[in-house]
C-alpha atoms as a PDB file:
ATOM      1  CA  UNK A   1       0.000   0.000   0.000  1.00  0.00           C
ATOM      2  CA  UNK A   2       1.089   3.542  -0.679  1.00  0.00           C
ATOM      3  CA  UNK A   3       1.922   6.073   1.934  1.00  0.00           C
ATOM      4  CA  UNK A   4      -0.964   8.195   3.103  1.00  0.00           C
ATOM      5  CA  UNK A   5      -0.553  11.949   2.704  1.00  0.00           C
ATOM      6  CA  UNK A   6      -1.010  14.096   5.781  1.00  0.00           C
ATOM      7  CA  UNK A   7      -1.320  17.839   6.149  1.00  0.00           C
ATOM      8  CA  UNK A   8      -0.115  19.969   9.017  1.00  0.00           C
ATOM      9  CA  UNK A   9      -2.438  22.422  10.713  1.00  0.00           C
ATOM     10  CA  UNK A  10      -0.434  25.299   9.223  1.00  0.00           C
ATOM     11  CA  UNK A  11      -0.869  23.904   5.703  1.00  0.00           C
ATOM     12  CA  UNK A  12      -4.609  23.590   6.226  1.00  0.00           C
ATOM     13  CA  UNK A  13      -4.878  27.120   7.603  1.00  0.00           C
ATOM     14  CA  UNK A  14      -3.007  28.496   4.571  1.00  0.00           C
ATOM     15  CA  UNK A  15      -5.255  26.577   2.178  1.00  0.00           C
ATOM     16  CA  UNK A  16      -8.413  27.870   3.863  1.00  0.00           C
ATOM     17  CA  UNK A  17      -7.034  31.436   3.986  1.00  0.00           C
ATOM     18  CA  UNK A  18      -6.297  31.436   0.255  1.00  0.00           C
ATOM     19  CA  UNK A  19      -9.706  29.963  -0.518  1.00  0.00           C
ATOM     20  CA  UNK A  20     -11.464  32.587   1.598  1.00  0.00           C
ATOM     21  CA  UNK A  21      -9.532  35.386  -0.150  1.00  0.00           C
ATOM     22  CA  UNK A  22     -10.888  34.174  -3.476  1.00  0.00           C
ATOM     23  CA  UNK A  23     -14.483  33.946  -2.268  1.00  0.00           C
ATOM     24  CA  UNK A  24     -15.512  34.253   1.401  1.00  0.00           C
ATOM     25  CA  UNK A  25     -18.688  32.221   0.818  1.00  0.00           C
ATOM     26  CA  UNK A  26     -17.047  29.428  -1.161  1.00  0.00           C
ATOM     27  CA  UNK A  27     -16.794  25.786  -0.254  1.00  0.00           C
ATOM     28  CA  UNK A  28     -13.131  24.797   0.107  1.00  0.00           C
ATOM     29  CA  UNK A  29     -11.993  21.322  -0.844  1.00  0.00           C
ATOM     30  CA  UNK A  30      -8.424  20.332   0.007  1.00  0.00           C
ATOM     31  CA  UNK A  31      -7.240  17.280  -1.907  1.00  0.00           C
ATOM     32  CA  UNK A  32      -3.915  15.676  -2.684  1.00  0.00           C
ATOM     33  CA  UNK A  33      -4.011  17.493  -6.045  1.00  0.00           C
ATOM     34  CA  UNK A  34      -4.374  20.911  -4.440  1.00  0.00           C
ATOM     35  CA  UNK A  35      -6.983  23.265  -3.074  1.00  0.00           C
ATOM     36  CA  UNK A  36     -10.192  23.832  -4.990  1.00  0.00           C
ATOM     37  CA  UNK A  37     -12.889  26.377  -4.296  1.00  0.00           C
ATOM     38  CA  UNK A  38     -16.445  26.047  -5.454  1.00  0.00           C
ATOM     39  CA  UNK A  39     -18.890  28.941  -5.114  1.00  0.00           C
ATOM     40  CA  UNK A  40     -22.080  28.218  -3.285  1.00  0.00           C
ATOM     41  CA  UNK A  41     -24.686  26.995  -5.725  1.00  0.00           C
ATOM     42  CA  UNK A  42     -27.384  29.516  -6.427  1.00  0.00           C
ATOM     43  CA  UNK A  43     -30.682  28.240  -5.119  1.00  0.00           C
ATOM     44  CA  UNK A  44     -33.505  27.995  -7.593  1.00  0.00           C
ATOM     45  CA  UNK A  45     -36.451  30.271  -7.001  1.00  0.00           C
ATOM     46  CA  UNK A  46     -39.258  28.483  -5.227  1.00  0.00           C
ATOM     47  CA  UNK A  47     -42.207  30.442  -6.595  1.00  0.00           C
ATOM     48  CA  UNK A  48     -43.243  33.420  -8.717  1.00  0.00           C
ATOM     49  CA  UNK A  49     -42.651  35.916  -5.902  1.00  0.00           C
ATOM     50  CA  UNK A  50     -39.078  34.724  -5.454  1.00  0.00           C
ATOM     51  CA  UNK A  51     -38.561  34.939  -9.226  1.00  0.00           C
ATOM     52  CA  UNK A  52     -39.767  38.531  -9.187  1.00  0.00           C
ATOM     53  CA  UNK A  53     -37.394  39.524  -6.366  1.00  0.00           C
ATOM     54  CA  UNK A  54     -34.394  37.937  -8.100  1.00  0.00           C
ATOM     55  CA  UNK A  55     -34.838  40.086 -11.227  1.00  0.00           C
END
């Protein structure tokens, strides 16, 4: 079996800090390939009133 990668607390803090600088509301995913940020998905309007307010 291969060796399992581990991250130090400092490495995790840096990854989260960089992700938050890009987008404070983003979801941060730290993987072996690097840090990825995904913006929060926009919620679909639930009814006509919500559609009107989003315009």
